[in-house]
Amino acid sequence: MTAGNEGALVALKARDYWLFWCGAIVSNSGNWMQTITVPFVIDRMTHSPTWVGFSAFMAIFPGVAVGPIGGSFADRFPRKQVVLVTQALMMFAAIGLWAVWTTGAASPEAIVALMTISGIGSGLGIASWQAFIPQLVPPDHMFSAIRLNSVQFTAARAFGPALAGIVLAEFGAGTAFGVNALSFVVVLAALVAIQPRPVDLPAAPPRVLEHFRAGVQYVRQRRALVVPVITIFIVSFFGSSSVHLCAPFAREVLEVGKANFGFMVASFGIGAVLGTFANLAIGDRVRRSRMAMAGLVMFAGGELVFGSAAAYVVSLIGLAGMGVAYMFIAVAMNTSIQARVDESHRGRVLAIYLMGLLAGVPLGALTGGAVADGIGLRATIIGGASAILAFAIVARVTFAAMGPLDETVPTASPVHADPLLTNQPTIPGAD
C-alpha cells in the first residue's frame, strides 16, 4: 500500500515528521530571503550580470564539490547529526552576512565568501536531509512524506522571495539577512526534539571516495537512476539557473524596483506550490514518465514566455508556468529515485542526484551571466528554453519517453546492501 491509498497528507500524522516539516518551512523561507537578497545587493553594488552569476555560482557550486563527502556521510553517520551540524554551519554564515552588512563592512568579495561557506554546509548536509525523510514516517507513508517535503520547500520558495521583496523595500538587506539567521533556530529546535527511526550503518566504513565510488557504480547500473540525474542537470543548467538572472532582468529589461524583483522569483515559487499540489492530487494516478515529459515541454514554454516578456505581468506568468512544470519534473525524478534505491545506498544516490541539480544551477547562472553580457538577457533565456525543448525531444527517443522512471522495487527489500552494518558511528561533537 502506498501513501496515496491512505491520503496525500498521511505523513503529517507522524509527530516527528510534522515537527520537521514545520521547522523546515520556516528555515527554508529564510534561506530564500537570503537567496533573493544576495543577488539583489550584488547587482546594486556592481551593476554586472557576470558578478550576479558568479555569486550564484559560489553560493552553490562548493556544495557540489563536497557532494561526495556529504553523500558518504549520509550512509555512514546518523543523518540527524549530519543535518544538525550542517544547519548550524549555515546559520553561522547567515549571521556573518548580517554582521558585515549592518557594520558597513560588506563588499562583493565578503558576501561571496560567506555564501561559499553556506554552500559548503548545504552540500555536506543536503543528501542527509533528503535521505532523512523516510526515517520520520512508516515505510508505507514514504511517498506522502517525499511529496509533502516538496510542498514545504516550494511554499518557502514562494513565501521567502515575496517576503524578501517587502523587507528589502521597507527595511533593507540587513533585516533580510537577520531574519534568515533567526530562522535556523526553528529547524534546529525541531531536529533536537525528534527521534527518527534508526537505520543500519557500516561499522567499519571504507574511505569516503571508495564509498562514494560504489554509489556511482550502483547508479550506473540502473537506468531508473541515471535518467533523473541527467534530466535534473539539464533542467537546472538551462532552466532553473535563469531565475538567478531575475535581478538584472528586472533592472535592465523590465525596469522595475526592489519589491517587483522579489515577486518575480516568488512567482516561480507560487507556480511550484501549485505544481506540488497537483502532484499530491494526481501523482498516484499518472505515470512518472508522463509527468516528467509534460513538465519538460511546459517548462520550455514558460521560460520562453519569461524571456520574451515585454511587460512585468507577462514575466510573472512565464515564471509561474516554469514553477508548475519544475515540480512535475522534480517530483517525478525524486520519487523514482526513492522507489528504486535500497537504504544502504540512499544517501549516496541522493547525493549524486543532488549534485546534478546543484551543479546545473550555478554553472548555468555563471554561463548565463557571461553570455548575457555578450548577447543580452532575452536571447540567453530564450536559448535556455530552446535547449530544454530539444532535450525533451531527445528524451522521447533515447529514454523511451522517460519510461525508466516508472520502474519500481519494494522499498523494504534492500538490494546489494553494504556489509557489516550497525547503528554505532557518530559525528564527534554532534548531539
Protein backbone atom coordinates (compact mmCIF):
# COMPACT_ATOMS: atom_id res chain seq x y z
CA MET A 1 0.00 0.00 0.00
CA THR A 2 1.31 3.46 -0.87
CA ALA A 3 0.70 6.71 0.82
CA GLY A 4 -1.63 7.64 -1.93
CA ASN A 5 -4.01 4.84 -0.86
CA GLU A 6 -4.41 6.44 2.55
CA GLY A 7 -4.35 10.11 1.61
CA ALA A 8 -1.79 12.54 0.28
CA LEU A 9 -1.33 14.18 3.70
CA VAL A 10 -0.97 11.00 5.74
CA ALA A 11 2.71 11.64 6.55
CA LEU A 12 1.72 14.67 8.64
CA LYS A 13 0.14 12.30 11.18
CA ALA A 14 3.65 11.35 12.30
CA ARG A 15 4.72 13.69 15.14
CA ASP A 16 8.39 13.74 14.14
CA TYR A 17 7.61 14.45 10.51
CA TRP A 18 5.19 17.23 11.46
CA LEU A 19 7.83 18.94 13.65
CA PHE A 20 10.50 18.60 10.98
CA TRP A 21 8.13 19.84 8.26
CA CYS A 22 7.18 22.96 10.22
CA GLY A 23 10.77 23.76 11.13
CA ALA A 24 11.89 23.23 7.56
CA ILE A 25 9.32 25.57 6.02
CA VAL A 26 10.37 28.40 8.37
CA SER A 27 14.09 27.84 7.79
CA ASN A 28 13.75 27.42 4.02
CA SER A 29 11.70 30.61 3.81
CA GLY A 30 14.60 32.38 5.50
CA ASN A 31 17.05 30.76 3.11
CA TRP A 32 15.05 32.01 0.15
CA MET A 33 15.07 35.51 1.61
CA GLN A 34 18.86 35.28 1.62
CA THR A 35 18.91 33.77 -1.87
CA ILE A 36 16.94 36.76 -3.17
CA THR A 37 18.80 39.38 -1.15
CA VAL A 38 22.32 38.36 -2.19
CA PRO A 39 21.91 38.80 -5.98
CA PHE A 40 19.98 42.00 -5.33
CA VAL A 41 22.76 43.60 -3.30
CA ILE A 42 25.47 42.24 -5.61
CA ASP A 43 23.61 43.67 -8.61
CA ARG A 44 23.24 47.07 -6.93
CA MET A 45 26.90 47.10 -5.86
CA THR A 46 28.38 46.03 -9.21
CA HIS A 47 25.71 46.53 -11.92
CA SER A 48 27.14 43.40 -13.52
CA PRO A 49 25.23 40.26 -14.60
CA THR A 50 28.58 38.47 -14.52
CA TRP A 51 29.03 39.28 -10.81
CA VAL A 52 25.44 38.17 -10.15
CA GLY A 53 26.09 34.89 -11.93
CA PHE A 54 29.40 34.46 -10.10
CA SER A 55 27.74 34.99 -6.71
CA ALA A 56 25.14 32.32 -7.56
CA PHE A 57 27.93 30.01 -8.70
CA MET A 58 29.91 30.42 -5.48
CA ALA A 59 26.81 30.03 -3.33
CA ILE A 60 26.05 26.61 -4.75
CA PHE A 61 28.99 25.04 -6.56
CA PRO A 62 31.15 24.48 -3.44
CA GLY A 63 28.30 22.27 -2.27
CA VAL A 64 28.72 20.21 -5.41
CA ALA A 65 32.44 19.84 -4.72
CA VAL A 66 31.77 18.37 -1.28
CA GLY A 67 28.80 16.33 -2.54
CA PRO A 68 30.70 13.00 -2.46
CA ILE A 69 31.61 13.65 1.18
CA GLY A 70 28.02 14.59 2.03
CA GLY A 71 26.65 11.51 0.30
CA SER A 72 29.09 9.27 2.13
CA PHE A 73 28.24 10.96 5.44
CA ALA A 74 24.55 10.23 4.85
CA ASP A 75 25.26 6.49 4.64
CA ARG A 76 27.99 6.43 7.33
CA PHE A 77 26.63 8.53 10.22
CA PRO A 78 23.22 9.17 11.80
CA ARG A 79 21.55 11.58 9.40
CA LYS A 80 20.02 13.67 12.17
CA GLN A 81 23.50 14.52 13.45
CA VAL A 82 24.75 15.41 9.98
CA VAL A 83 21.80 17.74 9.42
CA LEU A 84 22.23 19.37 12.84
CA VAL A 85 25.91 20.13 12.28
CA THR A 86 25.49 21.42 8.73
CA GLN A 87 22.46 23.57 9.57
CA ALA A 88 24.48 25.13 12.40
CA LEU A 89 27.29 25.94 9.95
CA MET A 90 24.81 27.61 7.59
CA MET A 91 23.37 29.60 10.49
CA PHE A 92 26.83 31.00 11.36
CA ALA A 93 27.31 32.03 7.72
CA ALA A 94 23.93 33.79 7.81
CA ILE A 95 24.95 35.62 10.98
CA GLY A 96 28.14 36.64 9.20
CA LEU A 97 26.17 38.15 6.30
CA TRP A 98 24.04 40.12 8.73
CA ALA A 99 27.12 41.33 10.60
CA VAL A 100 29.13 42.52 7.59
CA TRP A 101 26.12 44.32 6.13
CA THR A 102 25.00 46.08 9.31
CA THR A 103 28.55 47.15 10.19
CA GLY A 104 29.22 48.57 6.74
CA ALA A 105 31.97 46.05 6.01
CA ALA A 106 30.10 44.44 3.12
CA SER A 107 31.82 44.02 -0.24
CA PRO A 108 31.09 41.67 -3.15
CA GLU A 109 34.10 39.58 -2.10
CA ALA A 110 32.98 39.30 1.54
CA ILE A 111 29.42 38.37 0.60
CA VAL A 112 30.59 35.73 -1.87
CA ALA A 113 32.99 34.28 0.72
CA LEU A 114 30.20 33.87 3.28
CA MET A 115 27.88 32.39 0.66
CA THR A 116 30.63 29.90 -0.16
CA ILE A 117 30.70 28.77 3.47
CA SER A 118 26.92 28.43 3.43
CA GLY A 119 27.14 26.45 0.20
CA ILE A 120 29.63 24.02 1.72
CA GLY A 121 27.31 23.46 4.67
CA SER A 122 24.40 22.86 2.34
CA GLY A 123 26.41 20.46 0.18
CA LEU A 124 27.53 18.41 3.17
CA GLY A 125 24.01 18.16 4.58
CA ILE A 126 21.54 18.08 1.71
CA ALA A 127 21.85 14.36 0.97
CA SER A 128 21.31 13.55 4.65
CA TRP A 129 18.30 15.91 4.69
CA GLN A 130 16.65 14.10 1.77
CA ALA A 131 17.60 10.62 2.96
CA PHE A 132 16.38 11.52 6.46
CA ILE A 133 12.75 11.98 5.31
CA PRO A 134 11.82 8.25 5.11
CA GLN A 135 13.08 7.75 8.69
CA LEU A 136 10.38 10.06 10.07
CA VAL A 137 7.35 8.09 8.81
CA PRO A 138 6.24 4.46 8.50
CA PRO A 139 7.54 2.87 5.26
CA ASP A 140 4.05 2.86 3.70
CA HIS A 141 3.89 6.65 4.02
CA MET A 142 7.21 7.39 2.33
CA PHE A 143 5.82 8.83 -0.92
CA SER A 144 3.46 11.09 1.01
CA ALA A 145 6.45 12.35 3.01
CA ILE A 146 8.52 12.96 -0.13
CA ARG A 147 5.75 14.94 -1.81
CA LEU A 148 4.98 16.94 1.33
CA ASN A 149 8.69 17.74 1.63
CA SER A 150 8.35 19.25 -1.84
CA VAL A 151 5.30 21.21 -0.61
CA GLN A 152 7.21 22.83 2.25
CA PHE A 153 10.21 23.60 0.09
CA THR A 154 8.15 25.14 -2.71
CA ALA A 155 5.90 27.00 -0.27
CA ALA A 156 9.06 28.51 1.20
CA ARG A 157 10.24 29.29 -2.32
CA ALA A 158 7.06 31.31 -2.84
CA PHE A 159 6.82 32.94 0.59
CA GLY A 160 10.52 33.68 1.11
CA PRO A 161 11.10 35.74 -2.07
CA ALA A 162 7.82 37.64 -1.64
CA LEU A 163 8.75 38.47 1.96
CA ALA A 164 12.28 39.37 0.81
CA GLY A 165 10.87 41.87 -1.68
CA ILE A 166 8.80 43.56 1.03
CA VAL A 167 11.61 43.52 3.60
CA LEU A 168 14.14 44.88 1.10
CA ALA A 169 11.83 47.72 0.15
CA GLU A 170 10.80 48.62 3.71
CA PHE A 171 13.74 47.69 5.97
CA GLY A 172 16.76 46.86 3.81
CA ALA A 173 19.12 43.95 3.25
CA GLY A 174 20.35 43.81 6.87
CA THR A 175 16.91 42.85 8.14
CA ALA A 176 16.53 40.18 5.46
CA PHE A 177 19.88 38.64 6.45
CA GLY A 178 18.95 38.82 10.14
CA VAL A 179 15.59 37.10 9.64
CA ASN A 180 17.30 34.24 7.83
CA ALA A 181 19.81 33.80 10.67
CA LEU A 182 16.97 33.60 13.21
CA SER A 183 15.00 31.12 11.08
CA PHE A 184 17.67 28.46 11.63
CA VAL A 185 16.80 28.38 15.33
CA VAL A 186 13.39 26.91 14.48
CA VAL A 187 14.67 23.99 12.41
CA LEU A 188 17.48 23.26 14.88
CA ALA A 189 14.95 23.11 17.73
CA ALA A 190 12.78 20.74 15.68
CA LEU A 191 15.75 18.48 14.96
CA VAL A 192 16.64 18.27 18.65
CA ALA A 193 13.05 17.29 19.51
CA ILE A 194 12.55 14.46 17.01
CA GLN A 195 13.62 10.82 17.27
CA PRO A 196 13.96 9.30 13.78
CA ARG A 197 13.60 5.62 13.04
CA PRO A 198 17.16 4.17 13.09
CA VAL A 199 18.77 2.65 10.01
CA ASP A 200 21.73 0.31 9.76
CA LEU A 201 25.09 1.96 9.19
CA PRO A 202 28.52 0.45 8.40
CA ALA A 203 30.54 -0.48 11.48
CA ALA A 204 33.84 -0.02 9.63
CA PRO A 205 33.05 2.26 6.70
CA PRO A 206 35.50 2.43 3.78
CA ARG A 207 37.24 5.61 2.73
CA VAL A 208 34.96 8.40 1.54
CA LEU A 209 35.90 8.27 -2.15
CA GLU A 210 35.79 4.48 -2.25
CA HIS A 211 32.41 4.56 -0.52
CA PHE A 212 31.07 7.18 -2.92
CA ARG A 213 32.51 5.38 -5.96
CA ALA A 214 30.43 2.33 -5.02
CA GLY A 215 27.37 4.60 -5.05
CA VAL A 216 28.25 5.86 -8.54
CA GLN A 217 28.55 2.29 -9.79
CA TYR A 218 25.18 1.49 -8.20
CA VAL A 219 23.58 4.37 -10.12
CA ARG A 220 25.24 3.50 -13.44
CA GLN A 221 23.73 0.01 -13.33
CA ARG A 222 20.15 1.34 -13.12
CA ARG A 223 18.58 3.45 -15.87
CA ALA A 224 15.82 4.47 -13.46
CA LEU A 225 18.55 6.34 -11.52
CA VAL A 226 20.63 7.56 -14.47
CA VAL A 227 17.69 9.30 -16.18
CA PRO A 228 16.81 11.52 -13.19
CA VAL A 229 20.43 12.61 -12.74
CA ILE A 230 20.80 13.67 -16.38
CA THR A 231 17.37 15.29 -16.54
CA ILE A 232 17.69 17.39 -13.40
CA PHE A 233 21.10 18.66 -14.55
CA ILE A 234 19.72 19.76 -17.93
CA VAL A 235 16.70 21.48 -16.36
CA SER A 236 18.88 23.16 -13.73
CA PHE A 237 21.53 24.35 -16.20
CA PHE A 238 19.23 25.69 -18.90
CA GLY A 239 16.13 26.48 -16.85
CA SER A 240 16.33 26.96 -13.09
CA SER A 241 19.51 29.00 -13.44
CA SER A 242 17.61 31.66 -15.38
CA VAL A 243 15.72 32.54 -12.17
CA HIS A 244 19.05 33.83 -10.80
CA LEU A 245 19.07 36.36 -13.66
CA CYS A 246 15.82 37.94 -12.46
CA ALA A 247 17.67 40.78 -10.72
CA PRO A 248 19.40 42.14 -13.85
CA PHE A 249 16.33 41.25 -15.97
CA ALA A 250 14.11 43.31 -13.66
CA ARG A 251 16.51 46.26 -13.68
CA GLU A 252 17.68 46.30 -17.31
CA VAL A 253 14.76 44.85 -19.29
CA LEU A 254 11.58 45.45 -17.28
CA GLU A 255 12.88 48.46 -15.33
CA VAL A 256 11.08 47.59 -12.08
CA GLY A 257 12.11 48.02 -8.45
CA LYS A 258 13.01 46.01 -5.36
CA ALA A 259 9.63 44.57 -4.38
CA ASN A 260 8.84 43.70 -8.01
CA PHE A 261 12.07 41.71 -8.28
CA GLY A 262 11.16 39.68 -5.20
CA PHE A 263 7.73 38.90 -6.59
CA MET A 264 9.27 37.73 -9.87
CA VAL A 265 11.16 34.98 -8.06
CA ALA A 266 8.13 34.38 -5.83
CA SER A 267 6.04 33.74 -8.97
CA PHE A 268 8.27 30.78 -9.77
CA GLY A 269 7.71 29.56 -6.20
CA ILE A 270 3.94 30.08 -6.39
CA GLY A 271 3.86 28.06 -9.58
CA ALA A 272 5.93 25.38 -7.87
CA VAL A 273 3.42 25.24 -5.00
CA LEU A 274 0.58 24.79 -7.48
CA GLY A 275 2.58 22.10 -9.25
CA THR A 276 3.22 20.31 -5.97
CA PHE A 277 -0.45 20.29 -5.00
CA ALA A 278 -1.27 18.98 -8.46
CA ASN A 279 1.19 16.17 -7.77
CA LEU A 280 -0.49 15.46 -4.43
CA ALA A 281 -3.85 15.25 -6.21
CA ILE A 282 -2.91 13.16 -9.26
CA GLY A 283 0.56 11.82 -8.56
CA ASP A 284 -0.64 8.25 -7.85
CA ARG A 285 -2.80 8.13 -10.98
CA VAL A 286 -0.37 9.49 -13.56
CA ARG A 287 2.83 7.72 -14.55
CA ARG A 288 6.03 9.46 -13.56
CA SER A 289 7.25 9.27 -17.16
CA ARG A 290 4.24 11.19 -18.45
CA MET A 291 4.53 13.75 -15.66
CA ALA A 292 8.18 14.35 -16.49
CA MET A 293 7.65 14.65 -20.27
CA ALA A 294 4.77 17.08 -19.77
CA GLY A 295 6.89 19.05 -17.32
CA LEU A 296 9.78 19.42 -19.78
CA VAL A 297 7.53 20.83 -22.51
CA MET A 298 5.72 23.12 -20.06
CA PHE A 299 9.00 24.38 -18.59
CA ALA A 300 10.36 25.27 -22.03
CA GLY A 301 7.13 27.13 -22.82
CA GLY A 302 7.16 29.05 -19.54
CA GLU A 303 10.82 30.03 -19.93
CA LEU A 304 10.13 31.22 -23.48
CA VAL A 305 7.30 33.44 -22.18
CA PHE A 306 9.54 34.79 -19.42
CA GLY A 307 12.46 35.54 -21.72
CA SER A 308 10.35 37.27 -24.35
CA ALA A 309 8.13 39.22 -21.92
CA ALA A 310 7.79 42.91 -22.67
CA ALA A 311 5.54 43.54 -19.66
CA TYR A 312 6.15 42.76 -15.98
CA VAL A 313 2.89 40.80 -15.61
CA VAL A 314 3.79 38.56 -18.56
CA SER A 315 7.14 37.73 -16.94
CA LEU A 316 5.27 36.65 -13.78
CA ILE A 317 3.06 34.33 -15.83
CA GLY A 318 6.07 32.76 -17.52
CA LEU A 319 7.91 32.25 -14.23
CA ALA A 320 4.82 30.74 -12.60
CA GLY A 321 4.49 28.31 -15.51
CA MET A 322 8.14 27.35 -15.07
CA GLY A 323 7.46 26.69 -11.38
CA VAL A 324 4.50 24.40 -12.09
CA ALA A 325 6.50 22.47 -14.66
CA TYR A 326 9.56 22.22 -12.44
CA MET A 327 7.62 20.40 -9.76
CA PHE A 328 6.19 17.93 -12.29
CA ILE A 329 9.78 17.15 -13.26
CA ALA A 330 11.39 17.22 -9.82
CA VAL A 331 8.77 15.12 -8.02
CA ALA A 332 8.83 12.53 -10.80
CA MET A 333 12.62 12.31 -10.55
CA ASN A 334 12.79 12.29 -6.76
CA THR A 335 10.10 9.66 -6.24
CA SER A 336 11.66 7.48 -8.93
CA ILE A 337 14.97 7.51 -7.08
CA GLN A 338 13.42 6.92 -3.66
CA ALA A 339 11.43 3.99 -5.07
CA ARG A 340 14.42 2.31 -6.67
CA VAL A 341 17.20 2.72 -4.10
CA ASP A 342 17.89 0.49 -1.11
CA GLU A 343 18.56 2.01 2.29
CA SER A 344 22.27 1.30 2.39
CA HIS A 345 22.84 3.37 -0.78
CA ARG A 346 20.14 6.01 -0.30
CA GLY A 347 22.39 8.84 0.87
CA ARG A 348 25.00 8.41 -1.86
CA VAL A 349 22.43 8.03 -4.66
CA LEU A 350 20.58 11.13 -3.50
CA ALA A 351 23.92 12.97 -3.29
CA ILE A 352 24.65 12.13 -6.94
CA TYR A 353 21.18 13.31 -7.97
CA LEU A 354 21.51 16.50 -5.93
CA MET A 355 24.99 17.14 -7.31
CA GLY A 356 23.43 17.18 -10.77
CA LEU A 357 20.80 19.64 -9.56
CA LEU A 358 23.25 21.79 -7.61
CA ALA A 359 25.89 21.82 -10.35
CA GLY A 360 23.42 22.79 -13.03
CA VAL A 361 22.15 25.95 -11.31
CA PRO A 362 25.48 27.70 -10.57
CA LEU A 363 27.11 26.59 -13.82
CA GLY A 364 24.05 27.79 -15.71
CA ALA A 365 23.94 31.08 -13.78
CA LEU A 366 27.66 31.70 -14.30
CA THR A 367 27.47 30.82 -18.00
CA GLY A 368 24.19 32.68 -18.46
CA GLY A 369 25.53 35.82 -16.80
CA ALA A 370 28.60 35.83 -19.04
CA VAL A 371 26.59 35.07 -22.19
CA ALA A 372 24.04 37.74 -21.30
CA ASP A 373 26.81 40.34 -21.18
CA GLY A 374 27.51 39.48 -24.81
CA ILE A 375 24.14 38.76 -26.46
CA GLY A 376 21.63 40.13 -23.95
CA LEU A 377 19.39 38.69 -21.26
CA ARG A 378 16.43 37.95 -23.52
CA ALA A 379 18.43 35.90 -26.01
CA THR A 380 20.15 33.99 -23.21
CA ILE A 381 16.91 32.96 -21.50
CA ILE A 382 15.16 32.09 -24.78
CA GLY A 383 18.18 29.98 -25.71
CA GLY A 384 17.81 28.05 -22.47
CA ALA A 385 14.16 27.36 -23.24
CA SER A 386 15.11 26.03 -26.68
CA ALA A 387 17.70 23.71 -25.13
CA ILE A 388 15.16 22.18 -22.74
CA LEU A 389 12.67 21.61 -25.56
CA ALA A 390 15.42 19.91 -27.58
CA PHE A 391 16.21 17.66 -24.60
CA ALA A 392 12.52 16.68 -24.34
CA ILE A 393 12.67 15.52 -27.95
CA VAL A 394 15.90 13.59 -27.33
CA ALA A 395 14.48 12.02 -24.14
CA ARG A 396 11.43 10.76 -26.00
CA VAL A 397 13.70 8.74 -28.28
CA THR A 398 16.75 7.93 -26.15
CA PHE A 399 14.99 7.33 -22.83
CA ALA A 400 11.79 5.79 -24.25
CA ALA A 401 9.76 8.85 -23.25
CA MET A 402 11.17 8.61 -19.70
CA GLY A 403 9.87 5.05 -19.32
CA PRO A 404 12.61 4.00 -16.80
CA LEU A 405 11.07 6.39 -14.25
CA ASP A 406 8.09 4.04 -13.90
CA GLU A 407 10.23 1.14 -12.68
CA THR A 408 9.86 0.27 -9.01
CA VAL A 409 11.00 -2.27 -6.42
CA PRO A 410 9.69 -2.81 -2.88
CA THR A 411 11.38 -0.18 -0.69
CA ALA A 412 11.58 -2.63 2.18
CA SER A 413 13.74 -5.07 0.17
CA PRO A 414 17.41 -3.96 0.19
CA VAL A 415 19.44 -4.83 -2.89
CA HIS A 416 23.19 -5.42 -2.60
CA ALA A 417 23.30 -3.94 0.91
CA ASP A 418 26.64 -2.92 2.35
CA PRO A 419 28.14 -5.49 4.74
CA LEU A 420 28.91 -5.17 8.46
CA LEU A 421 26.02 -2.92 9.42
CA THR A 422 25.45 -1.37 12.84
CA ASN A 423 24.00 1.78 14.37
CA GLN A 424 27.08 2.88 16.32
CA PRO A 425 29.04 5.58 14.38
CA THR A 426 28.58 9.18 15.48
CA ILE A 427 29.99 12.52 14.45
CA PRO A 428 32.28 13.88 17.16
CA GLY A 429 30.78 16.93 18.79
CA ALA A 430 27.22 16.34 17.50
CA ASP A 431 24.35 15.98 19.93
